[in-house]
Amino acid sequence: MNYKTKNTVRPYYHFFKYLVPFVIFNIKLLFKKTYRVKTKNCFSGKIAVLANGPSLKKIIPLIDVDKNFKDYDFVVLNLFALEPKFKTIKPKHYCLSDPMFYQDYEPRLKDIRRTFEILENEVDWKINLYLSFPSPKEYKKFLKYSRLTNPNIKIVKTNLIDYRGYEKFRNLYYNTGFCMPRVGNVSNLAIYMAILNGYTSIKVYGVDHDFFLSWVINDKNELCAKEMHFYQDGNEVKLKPIVDTIKGAGSVKIATYLSGLSVMFKSHDRLQAFAAYKKAEIINMTKGSMIDSYKRGK
């Protein structure tokens, strides 16, 4: 009798677990303001994702001479425009996803303003600027805040809508450009755009993702870490509270921060599955990277 009960309950369990979220997800696509990424399959060949981890500092001097970068396009992230090599490599793609790019974020305000100045006044080549913000309201804030009018910059709005429902349809929906893996880190956005754009060889640099190694809780119960990016001076690295950039102030709670990291690593797993679906190969070229989703390069 118990055996029969289990068999009759299981179909209902799967019904609610997959069908209901799938229906709700499609309703969101129909009624929520969404943007379809129009650069889908517009490119081919090879691309290098230059993320912001400290290991990228060793890679940047090699870009002009290392055969690993021969015939590669580039996608850069966040404050990369501050790097002198930006105007040398002339990347075809640029990704932004942090709230600090549409509201005052004091620790990086000067750098953010300088980044926008470079994009506005010094980009004399065609570049796609991908934005991943929570809502149309934030996109409008960005346009006003950045003051970008450079005709060489094509702004591509993306959706922070993750797929929900039957697993076998996930990659099919990702391929429409209407939804994407959740962006736990701007590197998720960059890799997704590389796959969607049609690149078949994707090498990823500067995704150290070793945030865990420098955490500490100070006497004020603030979660602190070493903020380390390739564009920072070695003397600039110091332990400081991790600011809640969504609220614009205050230290983020450790439970919230861990949830965000879980999203980021899970998105890397889903990006690897999406790459396989698109017959693309992602190679993680970052030595010591904590990402276990991609093939390791040498």
C-alpha atoms as a PDB file:
ATOM      1  CA  MET A   1       0.000   0.000   0.000  1.00  0.00           C
ATOM      2  CA  ASN A   2       2.803   2.376   0.835  1.00  0.00           C
ATOM      3  CA  TYR A   3       4.467   1.523  -2.480  1.00  0.00           C
ATOM      4  CA  LYS A   4       1.357   2.517  -4.427  1.00  0.00           C
ATOM      5  CA  THR A   5       1.039   5.753  -2.474  1.00  0.00           C
ATOM      6  CA  LYS A   6       4.586   6.799  -3.408  1.00  0.00           C
ATOM      7  CA  ASN A   7       3.952   6.115  -7.077  1.00  0.00           C
ATOM      8  CA  THR A   8       0.789   8.199  -7.131  1.00  0.00           C
ATOM      9  CA  VAL A   9       2.365  11.128  -5.288  1.00  0.00           C
ATOM     10  CA  ARG A  10       5.493  11.404  -7.432  1.00  0.00           C
ATOM     11  CA  PRO A  11       3.812  12.670 -10.655  1.00  0.00           C
ATOM     12  CA  TYR A  12       2.147  15.498  -8.734  1.00  0.00           C
ATOM     13  CA  TYR A  13       5.479  16.419  -7.175  1.00  0.00           C
ATOM     14  CA  HIS A  14       7.112  16.788 -10.592  1.00  0.00           C
ATOM     15  CA  PHE A  15       4.104  18.703 -11.871  1.00  0.00           C
ATOM     16  CA  PHE A  16       4.527  21.417  -9.255  1.00  0.00           C
ATOM     17  CA  LYS A  17       8.327  21.308  -9.309  1.00  0.00           C
ATOM     18  CA  TYR A  18       8.745  21.918 -13.053  1.00  0.00           C
ATOM     19  CA  LEU A  19       5.495  22.800 -14.817  1.00  0.00           C
ATOM     20  CA  VAL A  20       4.293  25.566 -12.525  1.00  0.00           C
ATOM     21  CA  PRO A  21       7.666  27.437 -12.486  1.00  0.00           C
ATOM     22  CA  PHE A  22       7.857  26.976 -16.267  1.00  0.00           C
ATOM     23  CA  VAL A  23       4.428  28.571 -16.766  1.00  0.00           C
ATOM     24  CA  ILE A  24       5.233  31.448 -14.389  1.00  0.00           C
ATOM     25  CA  PHE A  25       8.544  32.033 -16.160  1.00  0.00           C
ATOM     26  CA  ASN A  26       6.857  32.294 -19.578  1.00  0.00           C
ATOM     27  CA  ILE A  27       4.229  34.667 -18.196  1.00  0.00           C
ATOM     28  CA  LYS A  28       7.063  36.898 -16.970  1.00  0.00           C
ATOM     29  CA  LEU A  29       8.578  36.921 -20.447  1.00  0.00           C
ATOM     30  CA  LEU A  30       5.234  37.948 -21.917  1.00  0.00           C
ATOM     31  CA  PHE A  31       4.327  40.711 -19.494  1.00  0.00           C
ATOM     32  CA  LYS A  32       7.582  41.943 -18.014  1.00  0.00           C
ATOM     33  CA  LYS A  33       9.652  44.518 -19.873  1.00  0.00           C
ATOM     34  CA  THR A  34      12.315  42.429 -21.621  1.00  0.00           C
ATOM     35  CA  TYR A  35      15.105  43.125 -24.088  1.00  0.00           C
ATOM     36  CA  ARG A  36      16.190  40.670 -26.724  1.00  0.00           C
ATOM     37  CA  VAL A  37      19.930  40.660 -27.323  1.00  0.00           C
ATOM     38  CA  LYS A  38      20.205  41.547 -31.004  1.00  0.00           C
ATOM     39  CA  THR A  39      23.879  40.631 -31.383  1.00  0.00           C
ATOM     40  CA  LYS A  40      23.092  36.906 -31.258  1.00  0.00           C
ATOM     41  CA  ASN A  41      25.408  34.882 -33.560  1.00  0.00           C
ATOM     42  CA  CYS A  42      26.836  38.085 -35.093  1.00  0.00           C
ATOM     43  CA  PHE A  43      30.418  36.935 -34.520  1.00  0.00           C
ATOM     44  CA  SER A  44      32.473  33.763 -34.824  1.00  0.00           C
ATOM     45  CA  GLY A  45      35.898  32.406 -34.050  1.00  0.00           C
ATOM     46  CA  LYS A  46      37.890  33.175 -30.913  1.00  0.00           C
ATOM     47  CA  ILE A  47      37.486  35.583 -28.006  1.00  0.00           C
ATOM     48  CA  ALA A  48      39.397  36.298 -24.804  1.00  0.00           C
ATOM     49  CA  VAL A  49      37.470  37.372 -21.705  1.00  0.00           C
ATOM     50  CA  LEU A  50      39.663  39.733 -19.660  1.00  0.00           C
ATOM     51  CA  ALA A  51      38.141  39.736 -16.166  1.00  0.00           C
ATOM     52  CA  ASN A  52      39.319  41.900 -13.280  1.00  0.00           C
ATOM     53  CA  GLY A  53      41.104  39.457 -10.965  1.00  0.00           C
ATOM     54  CA  PRO A  54      44.642  40.355  -9.798  1.00  0.00           C
ATOM     55  CA  SER A  55      46.157  37.597 -11.956  1.00  0.00           C
ATOM     56  CA  LEU A  56      45.305  39.649 -15.063  1.00  0.00           C
ATOM     57  CA  LYS A  57      48.143  42.013 -14.191  1.00  0.00           C
ATOM     58  CA  LYS A  58      50.618  39.342 -15.341  1.00  0.00           C
ATOM     59  CA  ILE A  59      48.669  38.699 -18.554  1.00  0.00           C
ATOM     60  CA  ILE A  60      48.230  42.241 -19.873  1.00  0.00           C
ATOM     61  CA  PRO A  61      51.904  42.735 -20.901  1.00  0.00           C
ATOM     62  CA  LEU A  62      51.725  39.504 -22.929  1.00  0.00           C
ATOM     63  CA  ILE A  63      48.698  40.410 -25.024  1.00  0.00           C
ATOM     64  CA  ASP A  64      50.749  41.971 -27.843  1.00  0.00           C
ATOM     65  CA  VAL A  65      53.359  39.203 -28.007  1.00  0.00           C
ATOM     66  CA  ASP A  66      51.782  35.938 -26.829  1.00  0.00           C
ATOM     67  CA  LYS A  67      50.517  33.648 -29.595  1.00  0.00           C
ATOM     68  CA  ASN A  68      47.625  32.681 -27.300  1.00  0.00           C
ATOM     69  CA  PHE A  69      45.976  35.973 -28.290  1.00  0.00           C
ATOM     70  CA  LYS A  70      46.530  35.742 -32.033  1.00  0.00           C
ATOM     71  CA  ASP A  71      43.297  36.330 -33.979  1.00  0.00           C
ATOM     72  CA  TYR A  72      41.287  36.761 -30.761  1.00  0.00           C
ATOM     73  CA  ASP A  73      38.620  39.375 -30.154  1.00  0.00           C
ATOM     74  CA  PHE A  74      38.378  40.757 -26.628  1.00  0.00           C
ATOM     75  CA  VAL A  75      35.638  41.402 -24.070  1.00  0.00           C
ATOM     76  CA  VAL A  76      36.572  43.588 -21.093  1.00  0.00           C
ATOM     77  CA  LEU A  77      34.748  44.412 -17.865  1.00  0.00           C
ATOM     78  CA  ASN A  78      33.973  47.204 -15.419  1.00  0.00           C
ATOM     79  CA  LEU A  79      36.917  49.644 -15.065  1.00  0.00           C
ATOM     80  CA  PHE A  80      39.148  48.134 -17.761  1.00  0.00           C
ATOM     81  CA  ALA A  81      39.013  51.412 -19.707  1.00  0.00           C
ATOM     82  CA  LEU A  82      41.461  52.793 -17.134  1.00  0.00           C
ATOM     83  CA  GLU A  83      44.088  50.314 -18.357  1.00  0.00           C
ATOM     84  CA  PRO A  84      46.335  51.881 -21.070  1.00  0.00           C
ATOM     85  CA  LYS A  85      46.128  48.631 -23.058  1.00  0.00           C
ATOM     86  CA  PHE A  86      42.401  49.310 -23.574  1.00  0.00           C
ATOM     87  CA  LYS A  87      43.082  51.648 -26.489  1.00  0.00           C
ATOM     88  CA  THR A  88      45.687  49.285 -27.933  1.00  0.00           C
ATOM     89  CA  ILE A  89      43.643  46.091 -28.089  1.00  0.00           C
ATOM     90  CA  LYS A  90      40.422  47.943 -29.008  1.00  0.00           C
ATOM     91  CA  PRO A  91      38.034  45.337 -27.581  1.00  0.00           C
ATOM     92  CA  LYS A  92      34.825  44.672 -29.475  1.00  0.00           C
ATOM     93  CA  HIS A  93      32.830  44.077 -26.303  1.00  0.00           C
ATOM     94  CA  TYR A  94      32.506  45.721 -22.879  1.00  0.00           C
ATOM     95  CA  CYS A  95      30.357  44.500 -19.954  1.00  0.00           C
ATOM     96  CA  LEU A  96      28.923  46.364 -16.962  1.00  0.00           C
ATOM     97  CA  SER A  97      26.608  44.928 -14.314  1.00  0.00           C
ATOM     98  CA  ASP A  98      27.446  46.612 -11.003  1.00  0.00           C
ATOM     99  CA  PRO A  99      25.030  49.173  -9.485  1.00  0.00           C
ATOM    100  CA  MET A 100      28.017  51.475  -8.936  1.00  0.00           C
ATOM    101  CA  PHE A 101      27.753  52.404 -12.614  1.00  0.00           C
ATOM    102  CA  TYR A 102      24.435  54.184 -12.218  1.00  0.00           C
ATOM    103  CA  GLN A 103      24.685  55.683  -8.721  1.00  0.00           C
ATOM    104  CA  ASP A 104      27.312  57.412  -6.614  1.00  0.00           C
ATOM    105  CA  TYR A 105      29.667  54.854  -5.087  1.00  0.00           C
ATOM    106  CA  GLU A 106      32.212  56.906  -3.161  1.00  0.00           C
ATOM    107  CA  PRO A 107      35.093  54.381  -2.952  1.00  0.00           C
ATOM    108  CA  ARG A 108      35.301  54.237  -6.779  1.00  0.00           C
ATOM    109  CA  LEU A 109      33.543  57.438  -7.862  1.00  0.00           C
ATOM    110  CA  LYS A 110      36.630  59.034  -9.425  1.00  0.00           C
ATOM    111  CA  ASP A 111      37.504  55.869 -11.367  1.00  0.00           C
ATOM    112  CA  ILE A 112      33.934  55.418 -12.583  1.00  0.00           C
ATOM    113  CA  ARG A 113      33.763  59.005 -13.838  1.00  0.00           C
ATOM    114  CA  ARG A 114      37.113  58.604 -15.605  1.00  0.00           C
ATOM    115  CA  THR A 115      35.893  55.346 -17.200  1.00  0.00           C
ATOM    116  CA  PHE A 116      32.864  57.117 -18.663  1.00  0.00           C
ATOM    117  CA  GLU A 117      35.059  59.964 -19.919  1.00  0.00           C
ATOM    118  CA  ILE A 118      37.296  57.516 -21.767  1.00  0.00           C
ATOM    119  CA  LEU A 119      34.337  55.676 -23.285  1.00  0.00           C
ATOM    120  CA  GLU A 120      32.747  58.946 -24.388  1.00  0.00           C
ATOM    121  CA  ASN A 121      35.792  60.778 -25.729  1.00  0.00           C
ATOM    122  CA  GLU A 122      38.475  58.243 -26.619  1.00  0.00           C
ATOM    123  CA  VAL A 123      36.699  55.227 -28.144  1.00  0.00           C
ATOM    124  CA  ASP A 124      37.109  55.674 -31.892  1.00  0.00           C
ATOM    125  CA  TRP A 125      36.237  52.097 -32.855  1.00  0.00           C
ATOM    126  CA  LYS A 126      32.970  50.132 -32.833  1.00  0.00           C
ATOM    127  CA  ILE A 127      32.228  48.474 -29.505  1.00  0.00           C
ATOM    128  CA  ASN A 128      29.218  46.728 -27.953  1.00  0.00           C
ATOM    129  CA  LEU A 129      28.493  47.830 -24.388  1.00  0.00           C
ATOM    130  CA  TYR A 130      26.429  45.185 -22.567  1.00  0.00           C
ATOM    131  CA  LEU A 131      24.429  46.282 -19.541  1.00  0.00           C
ATOM    132  CA  SER A 132      22.825  43.927 -17.052  1.00  0.00           C
ATOM    133  CA  PHE A 133      20.704  45.864 -14.569  1.00  0.00           C
ATOM    134  CA  PRO A 134      17.590  44.870 -12.577  1.00  0.00           C
ATOM    135  CA  SER A 135      14.960  46.931 -14.408  1.00  0.00           C
ATOM    136  CA  PRO A 136      14.249  49.549 -17.101  1.00  0.00           C
ATOM    137  CA  LYS A 137      14.422  52.157 -14.326  1.00  0.00           C
ATOM    138  CA  GLU A 138      18.090  51.288 -13.693  1.00  0.00           C
ATOM    139  CA  TYR A 139      18.863  51.428 -17.423  1.00  0.00           C
ATOM    140  CA  LYS A 140      17.446  54.958 -17.544  1.00  0.00           C
ATOM    141  CA  LYS A 141      19.524  55.868 -14.508  1.00  0.00           C
ATOM    142  CA  PHE A 142      22.621  54.548 -16.263  1.00  0.00           C
ATOM    143  CA  LEU A 143      22.008  56.580 -19.426  1.00  0.00           C
ATOM    144  CA  LYS A 144      21.585  59.726 -17.354  1.00  0.00           C
ATOM    145  CA  TYR A 145      24.471  58.964 -15.012  1.00  0.00           C
ATOM    146  CA  SER A 146      27.022  57.940 -17.653  1.00  0.00           C
ATOM    147  CA  ARG A 147      26.112  60.666 -20.197  1.00  0.00           C
ATOM    148  CA  LEU A 148      27.304  58.402 -22.994  1.00  0.00           C
ATOM    149  CA  THR A 149      26.514  59.659 -26.496  1.00  0.00           C
ATOM    150  CA  ASN A 150      29.494  58.258 -28.437  1.00  0.00           C
ATOM    151  CA  PRO A 151      28.113  56.881 -31.740  1.00  0.00           C
ATOM    152  CA  ASN A 152      30.823  54.189 -31.764  1.00  0.00           C
ATOM    153  CA  ILE A 153      29.283  52.601 -28.673  1.00  0.00           C
ATOM    154  CA  LYS A 154      26.291  50.338 -29.201  1.00  0.00           C
ATOM    155  CA  ILE A 155      24.446  49.852 -25.923  1.00  0.00           C
ATOM    156  CA  VAL A 156      22.981  46.347 -25.606  1.00  0.00           C
ATOM    157  CA  LYS A 157      20.443  45.866 -22.805  1.00  0.00           C
ATOM    158  CA  THR A 158      20.149  42.394 -21.333  1.00  0.00           C
ATOM    159  CA  ASN A 159      17.646  40.780 -18.986  1.00  0.00           C
ATOM    160  CA  LEU A 160      18.169  39.662 -15.414  1.00  0.00           C
ATOM    161  CA  ILE A 161      15.582  36.933 -15.933  1.00  0.00           C
ATOM    162  CA  ASP A 162      16.792  33.425 -15.205  1.00  0.00           C
ATOM    163  CA  TYR A 163      15.131  30.386 -16.695  1.00  0.00           C
ATOM    164  CA  ARG A 164      12.720  28.372 -14.550  1.00  0.00           C
ATOM    165  CA  GLY A 165      11.172  25.015 -15.441  1.00  0.00           C
ATOM    166  CA  TYR A 166      12.157  21.888 -17.342  1.00  0.00           C
ATOM    167  CA  GLU A 167      15.922  21.465 -17.480  1.00  0.00           C
ATOM    168  CA  LYS A 168      15.890  20.181 -21.073  1.00  0.00           C
ATOM    169  CA  PHE A 169      14.608  23.573 -22.319  1.00  0.00           C
ATOM    170  CA  ARG A 170      17.091  25.737 -20.384  1.00  0.00           C
ATOM    171  CA  ASN A 171      19.712  26.141 -23.119  1.00  0.00           C
ATOM    172  CA  LEU A 172      17.050  26.612 -25.772  1.00  0.00           C
ATOM    173  CA  TYR A 173      15.719  29.609 -23.858  1.00  0.00           C
ATOM    174  CA  TYR A 174      19.209  30.975 -23.121  1.00  0.00           C
ATOM    175  CA  ASN A 175      19.818  30.893 -26.858  1.00  0.00           C
ATOM    176  CA  THR A 176      16.860  33.202 -27.541  1.00  0.00           C
ATOM    177  CA  GLY A 177      18.581  36.096 -25.767  1.00  0.00           C
ATOM    178  CA  PHE A 178      15.447  36.792 -23.713  1.00  0.00           C
ATOM    179  CA  CYS A 179      16.884  35.268 -20.537  1.00  0.00           C
ATOM    180  CA  MET A 180      20.281  34.324 -19.168  1.00  0.00           C
ATOM    181  CA  PRO A 181      22.065  32.714 -16.207  1.00  0.00           C
ATOM    182  CA  ARG A 182      21.874  34.904 -13.110  1.00  0.00           C
ATOM    183  CA  VAL A 183      24.700  37.412 -12.940  1.00  0.00           C
ATOM    184  CA  GLY A 184      26.536  36.802  -9.673  1.00  0.00           C
ATOM    185  CA  ASN A 185      29.610  38.439 -11.151  1.00  0.00           C
ATOM    186  CA  VAL A 186      30.174  40.474 -14.311  1.00  0.00           C
ATOM    187  CA  SER A 187      32.290  37.600 -15.664  1.00  0.00           C
ATOM    188  CA  ASN A 188      29.040  35.568 -15.917  1.00  0.00           C
ATOM    189  CA  LEU A 189      27.621  38.248 -18.208  1.00  0.00           C
ATOM    190  CA  ALA A 190      30.794  38.411 -20.326  1.00  0.00           C
ATOM    191  CA  ILE A 191      30.980  34.648 -20.877  1.00  0.00           C
ATOM    192  CA  TYR A 192      27.268  34.424 -21.681  1.00  0.00           C
ATOM    193  CA  MET A 193      27.555  37.202 -24.270  1.00  0.00           C
ATOM    194  CA  ALA A 194      30.603  35.520 -25.820  1.00  0.00           C
ATOM    195  CA  ILE A 195      28.675  32.262 -26.234  1.00  0.00           C
ATOM    196  CA  LEU A 196      25.499  33.941 -27.481  1.00  0.00           C
ATOM    197  CA  ASN A 197      27.429  36.034 -29.981  1.00  0.00           C
ATOM    198  CA  GLY A 198      28.637  32.872 -31.696  1.00  0.00           C
ATOM    199  CA  TYR A 199      32.253  32.568 -30.559  1.00  0.00           C
ATOM    200  CA  THR A 200      33.366  28.940 -30.476  1.00  0.00           C
ATOM    201  CA  SER A 201      36.698  29.321 -28.639  1.00  0.00           C
ATOM    202  CA  ILE A 202      36.460  31.308 -25.396  1.00  0.00           C
ATOM    203  CA  LYS A 203      39.534  31.772 -23.207  1.00  0.00           C
ATOM    204  CA  VAL A 204      38.956  33.324 -19.782  1.00  0.00           C
ATOM    205  CA  TYR A 205      41.622  35.296 -17.904  1.00  0.00           C
ATOM    206  CA  GLY A 206      41.538  37.029 -14.521  1.00  0.00           C
ATOM    207  CA  VAL A 207      38.721  34.986 -12.966  1.00  0.00           C
ATOM    208  CA  ASP A 208      40.614  34.224  -9.744  1.00  0.00           C
ATOM    209  CA  HIS A 209      37.350  34.033  -7.766  1.00  0.00           C
ATOM    210  CA  ASP A 210      39.315  33.358  -4.570  1.00  0.00           C
ATOM    211  CA  PHE A 211      37.307  35.793  -2.450  1.00  0.00           C
ATOM    212  CA  PHE A 212      37.216  33.310   0.439  1.00  0.00           C
ATOM    213  CA  LEU A 213      40.917  33.666   1.192  1.00  0.00           C
ATOM    214  CA  SER A 214      40.852  37.133   2.761  1.00  0.00           C
ATOM    215  CA  TRP A 215      37.583  37.311   4.691  1.00  0.00           C
ATOM    216  CA  VAL A 216      37.374  38.507   8.271  1.00  0.00           C
ATOM    217  CA  ILE A 217      34.653  39.940  10.522  1.00  0.00           C
ATOM    218  CA  ASN A 218      35.850  43.082  12.305  1.00  0.00           C
ATOM    219  CA  ASP A 219      34.833  44.379  15.745  1.00  0.00           C
ATOM    220  CA  LYS A 220      31.834  46.152  14.197  1.00  0.00           C
ATOM    221  CA  ASN A 221      30.497  42.843  12.796  1.00  0.00           C
ATOM    222  CA  GLU A 222      31.332  44.006   9.266  1.00  0.00           C
ATOM    223  CA  LEU A 223      32.384  41.483   6.644  1.00  0.00           C
ATOM    224  CA  CYS A 224      35.762  42.635   5.367  1.00  0.00           C
ATOM    225  CA  ALA A 225      38.000  41.441   2.554  1.00  0.00           C
ATOM    226  CA  LYS A 226      40.940  42.500   0.476  1.00  0.00           C
ATOM    227  CA  GLU A 227      39.550  44.277  -2.562  1.00  0.00           C
ATOM    228  CA  MET A 228      41.997  43.146  -5.234  1.00  0.00           C
ATOM    229  CA  HIS A 229      41.714  43.928  -8.939  1.00  0.00           C
ATOM    230  CA  PHE A 230      44.390  43.989 -11.602  1.00  0.00           C
ATOM    231  CA  TYR A 231      44.105  47.783 -11.984  1.00  0.00           C
ATOM    232  CA  GLN A 232      44.910  48.454  -8.327  1.00  0.00           C
ATOM    233  CA  ASP A 233      48.353  49.362  -7.087  1.00  0.00           C
ATOM    234  CA  GLY A 234      49.905  46.771  -4.800  1.00  0.00           C
ATOM    235  CA  ASN A 235      50.076  49.349  -2.002  1.00  0.00           C
ATOM    236  CA  GLU A 236      46.374  50.087  -2.440  1.00  0.00           C
ATOM    237  CA  VAL A 237      45.252  46.634  -1.351  1.00  0.00           C
ATOM    238  CA  LYS A 238      43.944  46.690   2.200  1.00  0.00           C
ATOM    239  CA  LEU A 239      41.314  45.008   4.307  1.00  0.00           C
ATOM    240  CA  LYS A 240      38.031  46.916   4.300  1.00  0.00           C
ATOM    241  CA  PRO A 241      34.264  46.317   4.682  1.00  0.00           C
ATOM    242  CA  ILE A 242      32.417  44.905   1.686  1.00  0.00           C
ATOM    243  CA  VAL A 243      29.875  47.588   0.843  1.00  0.00           C
ATOM    244  CA  ASP A 244      26.311  46.712  -0.150  1.00  0.00           C
ATOM    245  CA  THR A 245      26.348  48.305  -3.616  1.00  0.00           C
ATOM    246  CA  ILE A 246      22.617  47.724  -4.144  1.00  0.00           C
ATOM    247  CA  LYS A 247      21.732  49.886  -1.137  1.00  0.00           C
ATOM    248  CA  GLY A 248      24.708  52.131  -1.798  1.00  0.00           C
ATOM    249  CA  ALA A 249      25.881  51.973   1.825  1.00  0.00           C
ATOM    250  CA  GLY A 250      26.440  49.624   4.744  1.00  0.00           C
ATOM    251  CA  SER A 251      28.318  46.364   4.984  1.00  0.00           C
ATOM    252  CA  VAL A 252      26.772  43.344   3.314  1.00  0.00           C
ATOM    253  CA  LYS A 253      25.772  40.428   5.590  1.00  0.00           C
ATOM    254  CA  ILE A 254      27.872  37.303   5.226  1.00  0.00           C
ATOM    255  CA  ALA A 255      24.802  35.121   4.521  1.00  0.00           C
ATOM    256  CA  THR A 256      23.809  37.474   1.691  1.00  0.00           C
ATOM    257  CA  TYR A 257      27.347  37.502   0.319  1.00  0.00           C
ATOM    258  CA  LEU A 258      27.587  33.706   0.369  1.00  0.00           C
ATOM    259  CA  SER A 259      24.257  33.493  -1.478  1.00  0.00           C
ATOM    260  CA  GLY A 260      25.660  35.783  -4.156  1.00  0.00           C
ATOM    261  CA  LEU A 261      28.766  33.638  -4.541  1.00  0.00           C
ATOM    262  CA  SER A 262      26.593  30.525  -4.851  1.00  0.00           C
ATOM    263  CA  VAL A 263      24.689  32.215  -7.690  1.00  0.00           C
ATOM    264  CA  MET A 264      27.962  33.117  -9.402  1.00  0.00           C
ATOM    265  CA  PHE A 265      29.443  29.605  -9.309  1.00  0.00           C
ATOM    266  CA  LYS A 266      26.146  27.966 -10.312  1.00  0.00           C
ATOM    267  CA  SER A 267      25.951  30.339 -13.273  1.00  0.00           C
ATOM    268  CA  HIS A 268      29.422  29.222 -14.373  1.00  0.00           C
ATOM    269  CA  ASP A 269      28.136  25.624 -14.352  1.00  0.00           C
ATOM    270  CA  ARG A 270      25.171  26.626 -16.499  1.00  0.00           C
ATOM    271  CA  LEU A 271      27.377  28.605 -18.860  1.00  0.00           C
ATOM    272  CA  GLN A 272      29.500  25.501 -19.429  1.00  0.00           C
ATOM    273  CA  ALA A 273      26.335  23.548 -20.298  1.00  0.00           C
ATOM    274  CA  PHE A 274      25.195  26.363 -22.612  1.00  0.00           C
ATOM    275  CA  ALA A 275      28.612  26.401 -24.321  1.00  0.00           C
ATOM    276  CA  ALA A 276      28.351  22.653 -24.980  1.00  0.00           C
ATOM    277  CA  TYR A 277      24.861  23.215 -26.406  1.00  0.00           C
ATOM    278  CA  LYS A 278      26.304  25.855 -28.781  1.00  0.00           C
ATOM    279  CA  LYS A 279      29.320  23.642 -29.598  1.00  0.00           C
ATOM    280  CA  ALA A 280      31.676  26.186 -28.066  1.00  0.00           C
ATOM    281  CA  GLU A 281      34.664  25.545 -25.793  1.00  0.00           C
ATOM    282  CA  ILE A 282      35.438  27.591 -22.680  1.00  0.00           C
ATOM    283  CA  ILE A 283      38.996  27.350 -21.360  1.00  0.00           C
ATOM    284  CA  ASN A 284      39.855  28.860 -17.980  1.00  0.00           C
ATOM    285  CA  MET A 285      43.380  30.247 -18.359  1.00  0.00           C
ATOM    286  CA  THR A 286      43.525  31.645 -14.805  1.00  0.00           C
ATOM    287  CA  LYS A 287      46.049  29.829 -12.647  1.00  0.00           C
ATOM    288  CA  GLY A 288      44.668  29.028  -9.210  1.00  0.00           C
ATOM    289  CA  SER A 289      41.118  29.986 -10.183  1.00  0.00           C
ATOM    290  CA  MET A 290      38.425  28.636  -7.858  1.00  0.00           C
ATOM    291  CA  ILE A 291      36.041  27.972 -10.764  1.00  0.00           C
ATOM    292  CA  ASP A 292      35.620  24.253 -11.366  1.00  0.00           C
ATOM    293  CA  SER A 293      33.178  24.527 -14.300  1.00  0.00           C
ATOM    294  CA  TYR A 294      35.513  24.870 -17.288  1.00  0.00           C
ATOM    295  CA  LYS A 295      38.411  23.083 -18.882  1.00  0.00           C
ATOM    296  CA  ARG A 296      41.756  24.296 -17.553  1.00  0.00           C
ATOM    297  CA  GLY A 297      44.304  25.840 -19.882  1.00  0.00           C
ATOM    298  CA  LYS A 298      48.064  26.052 -19.558  1.00  0.00           C
END
